[in-house]
PDB file of N, CA and C in Angstrom:
ATOM      1  N   MET A   1     250.970 167.885   1.873  1.00  0.00           N
ATOM      2  CA  MET A   1     251.696 167.236   2.570  1.00  0.00           C
ATOM      3  C   MET A   1     251.311 165.462   2.839  1.00  0.00           C
ATOM      4  N   LYS A   2     250.253 165.610   2.768  1.00  0.00           N
ATOM      5  CA  LYS A   2     249.562 164.990   3.314  1.00  0.00           C
ATOM      6  C   LYS A   2     248.152 164.129   2.318  1.00  0.00           C
ATOM      7  N   GLU A   3     248.287 164.376   1.129  1.00  0.00           N
ATOM      8  CA  GLU A   3     247.690 164.138   0.206  1.00  0.00           C
ATOM      9  C   GLU A   3     249.226 163.061  -0.129  1.00  0.00           C
ATOM     10  N   VAL A   4     250.373 163.732  -0.413  1.00  0.00           N
ATOM     11  CA  VAL A   4     251.333 162.687  -0.832  1.00  0.00           C
ATOM     12  C   VAL A   4     251.489 161.413  -0.140  1.00  0.00           C
ATOM     13  N   PHE A   5     251.179 161.137   1.412  1.00  0.00           N
ATOM     14  CA  PHE A   5     251.212 160.473   1.671  1.00  0.00           C
ATOM     15  C   PHE A   5     249.873 159.642   2.148  1.00  0.00           C
ATOM     16  N   LEU A   6     248.927 159.982   1.393  1.00  0.00           N
ATOM     17  CA  LEU A   6     247.518 159.028   1.335  1.00  0.00           C
ATOM     18  C   LEU A   6     248.108 158.267   0.385  1.00  0.00           C
ATOM     19  N   ARG A   7     248.699 158.870  -0.750  1.00  0.00           N
ATOM     20  CA  ARG A   7     248.757 158.671  -1.766  1.00  0.00           C
ATOM     21  C   ARG A   7     249.954 157.013  -1.946  1.00  0.00           C
ATOM     22  N   LEU A   8     250.846 157.405  -0.633  1.00  0.00           N
ATOM     23  CA  LEU A   8     251.722 156.446  -0.653  1.00  0.00           C
ATOM     24  C   LEU A   8     250.988 155.654  -0.697  1.00  0.00           C
ATOM     25  N   ALA A   9     250.393 155.407   0.909  1.00  0.00           N
ATOM     26  CA  ALA A   9     249.680 154.705   1.633  1.00  0.00           C
ATOM     27  C   ALA A   9     248.667 153.874   0.934  1.00  0.00           C
ATOM     28  N   LEU A  10     248.222 154.505  -0.601  1.00  0.00           N
ATOM     29  CA  LEU A  10     246.828 153.941  -1.122  1.00  0.00           C
ATOM     30  C   LEU A  10     248.072 152.831  -2.080  1.00  0.00           C
ATOM     31  N   VAL A  11     248.264 153.448  -2.556  1.00  0.00           N
ATOM     32  CA  VAL A  11     249.764 152.305  -3.766  1.00  0.00           C
ATOM     33  C   VAL A  11     250.344 151.067  -3.036  1.00  0.00           C
ATOM     34  N   ILE A  12     251.225 151.466  -2.095  1.00  0.00           N
ATOM     35  CA  ILE A  12     251.128 150.336  -0.894  1.00  0.00           C
ATOM     36  C   ILE A  12     250.313 149.495  -1.109  1.00  0.00           C
ATOM     37  N   ALA A  13     249.237 149.468  -0.316  1.00  0.00           N
ATOM     38  CA  ALA A  13     247.884 149.152   0.018  1.00  0.00           C
ATOM     39  C   ALA A  13     247.563 148.355  -1.330  1.00  0.00           C
ATOM     40  N   LEU A  14     247.599 149.096  -2.837  1.00  0.00           N
ATOM     41  CA  LEU A  14     247.399 148.184  -3.437  1.00  0.00           C
ATOM     42  C   LEU A  14     248.596 146.842  -3.933  1.00  0.00           C
ATOM     43  N   GLU A  15     249.478 147.497  -3.623  1.00  0.00           N
ATOM     44  CA  GLU A  15     251.062 146.727  -4.010  1.00  0.00           C
ATOM     45  C   GLU A  15     249.861 145.364  -3.483  1.00  0.00           C
ATOM     46  N   LEU A  16     250.172 146.025  -1.860  1.00  0.00           N
ATOM     47  CA  LEU A  16     250.101 144.022  -1.324  1.00  0.00           C
ATOM     48  C   LEU A  16     248.483 142.859  -1.766  1.00  0.00           C
ATOM     49  N   VAL A  17     247.940 143.827  -2.028  1.00  0.00           N
ATOM     50  CA  VAL A  17     247.002 143.209  -2.716  1.00  0.00           C
ATOM     51  C   VAL A  17     247.177 142.229  -3.709  1.00  0.00           C
ATOM     52  N   ASN A  18     247.999 143.243  -4.586  1.00  0.00           N
ATOM     53  CA  ASN A  18     247.959 142.489  -5.560  1.00  0.00           C
ATOM     54  C   ASN A  18     248.998 141.139  -5.800  1.00  0.00           C
ATOM     55  N   ALA A  19     249.736 141.346  -4.530  1.00  0.00           N
ATOM     56  CA  ALA A  19     250.883 140.817  -4.600  1.00  0.00           C
ATOM     57  C   ALA A  19     250.321 139.121  -3.632  1.00  0.00           C
ATOM     58  N   VAL A  20     249.398 139.726  -3.005  1.00  0.00           N
ATOM     59  CA  VAL A  20     248.582 138.349  -2.106  1.00  0.00           C
ATOM     60  C   VAL A  20     247.752 137.910  -2.887  1.00  0.00           C
ATOM     61  N   GLU A  21     246.960 138.533  -3.838  1.00  0.00           N
ATOM     62  CA  GLU A  21     246.190 137.860  -4.749  1.00  0.00           C
ATOM     63  C   GLU A  21     247.013 137.125  -6.332  1.00  0.00           C
ATOM     64  N   ALA A  22     248.558 137.444  -6.514  1.00  0.00           N
ATOM     65  CA  ALA A  22     249.095 136.389  -7.540  1.00  0.00           C
ATOM     66  C   ALA A  22     249.444 136.116  -5.972  1.00  0.00           C
ATOM     67  N   TYR A  23     249.926 134.669  -5.323  1.00  0.00           N
ATOM     68  CA  TYR A  23     249.856 134.411  -4.436  1.00  0.00           C
ATOM     69  C   TYR A  23     249.179 133.574  -4.081  1.00  0.00           C
ATOM     70  N   LEU A  24     247.919 133.484  -3.478  1.00  0.00           N
ATOM     71  CA  LEU A  24     247.054 132.746  -3.822  1.00  0.00           C
ATOM     72  C   LEU A  24     246.552 131.831  -5.290  1.00  0.00           C
ATOM     73  N   HIS A  25     246.903 132.805  -6.068  1.00  0.00           N
ATOM     74  CA  HIS A  25     246.598 131.922  -7.679  1.00  0.00           C
ATOM     75  C   HIS A  25     247.551 130.989  -8.285  1.00  0.00           C
ATOM     76  N   SER A  26     248.867 131.282  -7.827  1.00  0.00           N
ATOM     77  CA  SER A  26     250.035 130.852  -7.660  1.00  0.00           C
ATOM     78  C   SER A  26     249.660 129.128  -6.648  1.00  0.00           C
ATOM     79  N   LEU A  27     249.056 128.995  -5.528  1.00  0.00           N
ATOM     80  CA  LEU A  27     249.008 128.335  -4.998  1.00  0.00           C
ATOM     81  C   LEU A  27     247.898 127.364  -5.291  1.00  0.00           C
ATOM     82  N   MET A  28     247.187 128.095  -5.946  1.00  0.00           N
ATOM     83  CA  MET A  28     245.767 126.942  -6.045  1.00  0.00           C
ATOM     84  C   MET A  28     245.935 126.366  -8.026  1.00  0.00           C
ATOM     85  N   ALA A  29     246.885 127.484  -8.359  1.00  0.00           N
ATOM     86  CA  ALA A  29     247.437 126.163 -10.014  1.00  0.00           C
ATOM     87  C   ALA A  29     248.605 125.124  -9.559  1.00  0.00           C
ATOM     88  N   SER A  30     249.087 125.301  -8.347  1.00  0.00           N
ATOM     89  CA  SER A  30     249.714 124.090  -7.748  1.00  0.00           C
ATOM     90  C   SER A  30     249.587 123.057  -7.458  1.00  0.00           C
ATOM     91  N   ARG A  31     248.613 123.429  -6.649  1.00  0.00           N
ATOM     92  CA  ARG A  31     247.712 122.001  -6.070  1.00  0.00           C
ATOM     93  C   ARG A  31     246.474 121.916  -7.331  1.00  0.00           C
ATOM     94  N   ARG A  32     245.938 122.432  -8.178  1.00  0.00           N
ATOM     95  CA  ARG A  32     245.210 121.898  -9.824  1.00  0.00           C
ATOM     96  C   ARG A  32     246.211 121.146  -9.713  1.00  0.00           C
ATOM     97  N   ARG A  33     247.791 121.541 -10.187  1.00  0.00           N
ATOM     98  CA  ARG A  33     248.071 120.820 -10.522  1.00  0.00           C
ATOM     99  C   ARG A  33     248.785 118.977 -10.275  1.00  0.00           C
ATOM    100  N   SER A  34     248.755 119.103  -8.654  1.00  0.00           N
ATOM    101  CA  SER A  34     248.878 117.422  -8.013  1.00  0.00           C
ATOM    102  C   SER A  34     247.745 117.610  -8.263  1.00  0.00           C
ATOM    103  N   ASN A  35     246.452 118.170  -7.707  1.00  0.00           N
ATOM    104  CA  ASN A  35     245.043 117.324  -8.207  1.00  0.00           C
ATOM    105  C   ASN A  35     245.238 116.250  -9.551  1.00  0.00           C
ATOM    106  N   ASP A  36     245.195 117.476 -10.570  1.00  0.00           N
ATOM    107  CA  ASP A  36     245.562 116.520 -11.750  1.00  0.00           C
ATOM    108  C   ASP A  36     246.588 115.355 -11.594  1.00  0.00           C
ATOM    109  N   ALA A  37     247.478 115.559 -11.102  1.00  0.00           N
ATOM    110  CA  ALA A  37     248.778 114.156 -11.387  1.00  0.00           C
ATOM    111  C   ALA A  37     248.216 113.367 -10.589  1.00  0.00           C
ATOM    112  N   ALA A  38     247.630 113.484  -9.097  1.00  0.00           N
ATOM    113  CA  ALA A  38     246.617 112.322  -8.487  1.00  0.00           C
ATOM    114  C   ALA A  38     246.117 111.903  -9.801  1.00  0.00           C
ATOM    115  N   TRP A  39     245.024 112.185 -10.026  1.00  0.00           N
ATOM    116  CA  TRP A  39     244.636 111.771 -10.855  1.00  0.00           C
ATOM    117  C   TRP A  39     244.821 110.911 -12.147  1.00  0.00           C
ATOM    118  N   ASP A  40     245.974 111.571 -12.693  1.00  0.00           N
ATOM    119  CA  ASP A  40     246.665 110.374 -13.694  1.00  0.00           C
ATOM    120  C   ASP A  40     247.525 109.112 -13.267  1.00  0.00           C
ATOM    121  N   ASN A  41     247.763 109.239 -12.008  1.00  0.00           N
ATOM    122  CA  ASN A  41     248.302 108.514 -10.719  1.00  0.00           C
ATOM    123  C   ASN A  41     247.281 107.498 -10.176  1.00  0.00           C
ATOM    124  N   ARG A  42     245.865 107.473 -11.044  1.00  0.00           N
ATOM    125  CA  ARG A  42     245.348 106.107 -10.407  1.00  0.00           C
ATOM    126  C   ARG A  42     245.258 105.339 -10.853  1.00  0.00           C
ATOM    127  N   PRO A  43     244.603 104.176  -9.921  1.00  0.00           N
ATOM    128  CA  PRO A  43     244.562 102.726 -10.351  1.00  0.00           C
ATOM    129  C   PRO A  43     243.272 102.893 -11.924  1.00  0.00           C
ATOM    130  N   LYS A  44     244.063 102.276 -12.877  1.00  0.00           N
ATOM    131  CA  LYS A  44     243.152 102.373 -14.097  1.00  0.00           C
ATOM    132  C   LYS A  44     242.678 100.772 -14.075  1.00  0.00           C
ATOM    133  N   PHE A  45     241.254 100.814 -14.092  1.00  0.00           N
ATOM    134  CA  PHE A  45     240.171  99.699 -13.938  1.00  0.00           C
ATOM    135  C   PHE A  45     240.016  98.798 -14.809  1.00  0.00           C
ATOM    136  N   VAL A  46     240.441  99.434 -15.900  1.00  0.00           N
ATOM    137  CA  VAL A  46     240.286  99.495 -17.909  1.00  0.00           C
ATOM    138  C   VAL A  46     240.878  97.955 -18.433  1.00  0.00           C
TER     139      VAL A  46
END
């Protein structure tokens, strides 16, 4: 029974890590998009 509980805890921990990683990835992607938009809207001296 202890092994089942440990395996369940391991699966939950891995799922949490995956969720946090996906959240950070989307956060960085949205920040990169806003940076690209700011760079495209910069004043052009040409």
